Amino acid sequence: MANDDNATKQDLLDLEQRLNIDFTEMEQRLKTSLDASLGRLETHLLSAFHGWARATEIKIKSASNSTAAVDERMSLLEERMLNLERRQRS
């Protein structure tokens, strides 16, 4: 500044320009930091969801296998009942 007590218009314009540059740099650093944080959060969420989905898939597959086994046993019982009914009619 030209004088410690009196700021000129140019001094104020220079200060404004420096502040704008500082704020722009700070904004860019915040954006970069936020992007990195969001990337880590996304990775964490996707990993957690994948673990949950895998466990759920295993449970569903197990239930499906159990249902198939019950269906097979039911078919065998129906077949045996039909054979018994045929014998009784004969």
Protein backbone atom coordinates (compact mmCIF):
# COMPACT_ATOMS: atom_id res chain seq x y z
CA MET A 1 0.00 0.00 0.00
CA ALA A 2 1.19 3.50 -0.68
CA ASN A 3 0.72 4.68 2.89
CA ASP A 4 -0.10 2.59 5.95
CA ASP A 5 -3.00 4.87 6.86
CA ASN A 6 -4.53 5.51 3.45
CA ALA A 7 -5.41 2.75 0.99
CA THR A 8 -5.64 3.82 -2.60
CA LYS A 9 -8.22 2.51 -5.02
CA GLN A 10 -5.47 0.50 -6.71
CA ASP A 11 -4.46 -0.99 -3.35
CA LEU A 12 -8.04 -2.10 -2.80
CA LEU A 13 -8.27 -3.53 -6.33
CA ASP A 14 -5.01 -5.44 -5.78
CA LEU A 15 -6.32 -6.79 -2.48
CA GLU A 16 -9.58 -7.81 -4.12
CA GLN A 17 -7.70 -9.63 -6.87
CA ARG A 18 -5.51 -11.49 -4.33
CA LEU A 19 -8.58 -12.45 -2.31
CA ASN A 20 -10.37 -13.68 -5.42
CA ILE A 21 -7.35 -15.82 -6.33
CA ASP A 22 -7.16 -17.14 -2.74
CA PHE A 23 -10.88 -17.97 -2.71
CA THR A 24 -10.68 -19.63 -6.12
CA GLU A 25 -7.75 -21.78 -4.98
CA MET A 26 -9.56 -22.64 -1.74
CA GLU A 27 -12.70 -23.54 -3.67
CA GLN A 28 -10.69 -25.84 -5.95
CA ARG A 29 -9.02 -27.54 -2.97
CA LEU A 30 -12.42 -28.04 -1.32
CA LYS A 31 -13.86 -29.52 -4.53
CA THR A 32 -10.89 -31.86 -4.89
CA SER A 33 -11.18 -32.93 -1.25
CA LEU A 34 -14.94 -33.41 -1.54
CA ASP A 35 -14.55 -35.46 -4.74
CA ALA A 36 -12.00 -37.70 -3.01
CA SER A 37 -14.21 -38.11 0.07
CA LEU A 38 -17.25 -38.92 -2.07
CA GLY A 39 -15.23 -41.46 -4.03
CA ARG A 40 -14.17 -43.21 -0.82
CA LEU A 41 -17.76 -43.11 0.46
CA GLU A 42 -19.06 -44.58 -2.79
CA THR A 43 -16.49 -47.37 -2.64
CA HIS A 44 -17.38 -48.11 0.99
CA LEU A 45 -21.12 -48.19 0.25
CA LEU A 46 -20.70 -50.39 -2.80
CA SER A 47 -18.49 -52.80 -0.86
CA ALA A 48 -21.01 -52.98 1.99
CA PHE A 49 -23.90 -53.49 -0.43
CA HIS A 50 -22.01 -56.19 -2.31
CA GLY A 51 -21.41 -58.07 0.95
CA TRP A 52 -25.09 -57.83 1.86
CA ALA A 53 -26.21 -58.84 -1.64
CA ARG A 54 -23.87 -61.85 -1.65
CA ALA A 55 -25.18 -63.07 1.71
CA THR A 56 -28.77 -62.56 0.53
CA GLU A 57 -28.04 -64.42 -2.71
CA ILE A 58 -26.70 -67.39 -0.74
CA LYS A 59 -29.83 -67.43 1.47
CA ILE A 60 -32.13 -67.26 -1.54
CA LYS A 61 -30.23 -70.05 -3.30
CA SER A 62 -30.46 -72.17 -0.15
CA ALA A 63 -34.21 -71.54 0.12
CA SER A 64 -34.62 -72.34 -3.58
CA ASN A 65 -32.74 -75.62 -3.15
CA SER A 66 -34.90 -76.49 -0.15
CA THR A 67 -38.04 -75.72 -2.12
CA ALA A 68 -36.85 -77.91 -4.97
CA ALA A 69 -36.22 -80.76 -2.53
CA VAL A 70 -39.70 -80.37 -1.05
CA ASP A 71 -41.22 -80.28 -4.55
CA GLU A 72 -39.38 -83.47 -5.45
CA ARG A 73 -40.52 -85.25 -2.29
CA MET A 74 -44.08 -84.05 -2.88
CA SER A 75 -44.01 -85.45 -6.43
CA LEU A 76 -42.77 -88.80 -5.14
CA LEU A 77 -45.54 -88.89 -2.53
CA GLU A 78 -48.16 -88.04 -5.15
CA GLU A 79 -46.84 -90.80 -7.37
CA ARG A 80 -46.94 -93.32 -4.52
CA MET A 81 -50.50 -92.28 -3.63
CA LEU A 82 -51.62 -92.70 -7.24
CA ASN A 83 -50.06 -96.18 -7.32
CA LEU A 84 -51.87 -97.10 -4.09
CA GLU A 85 -55.17 -95.78 -5.44
CA ARG A 86 -54.71 -97.78 -8.65
CA ARG A 87 -54.05 -100.95 -6.63
CA GLN A 88 -57.18 -100.39 -4.56
CA ARG A 89 -59.29 -100.02 -7.69
CA SER A 90 -57.92 -103.20 -9.15
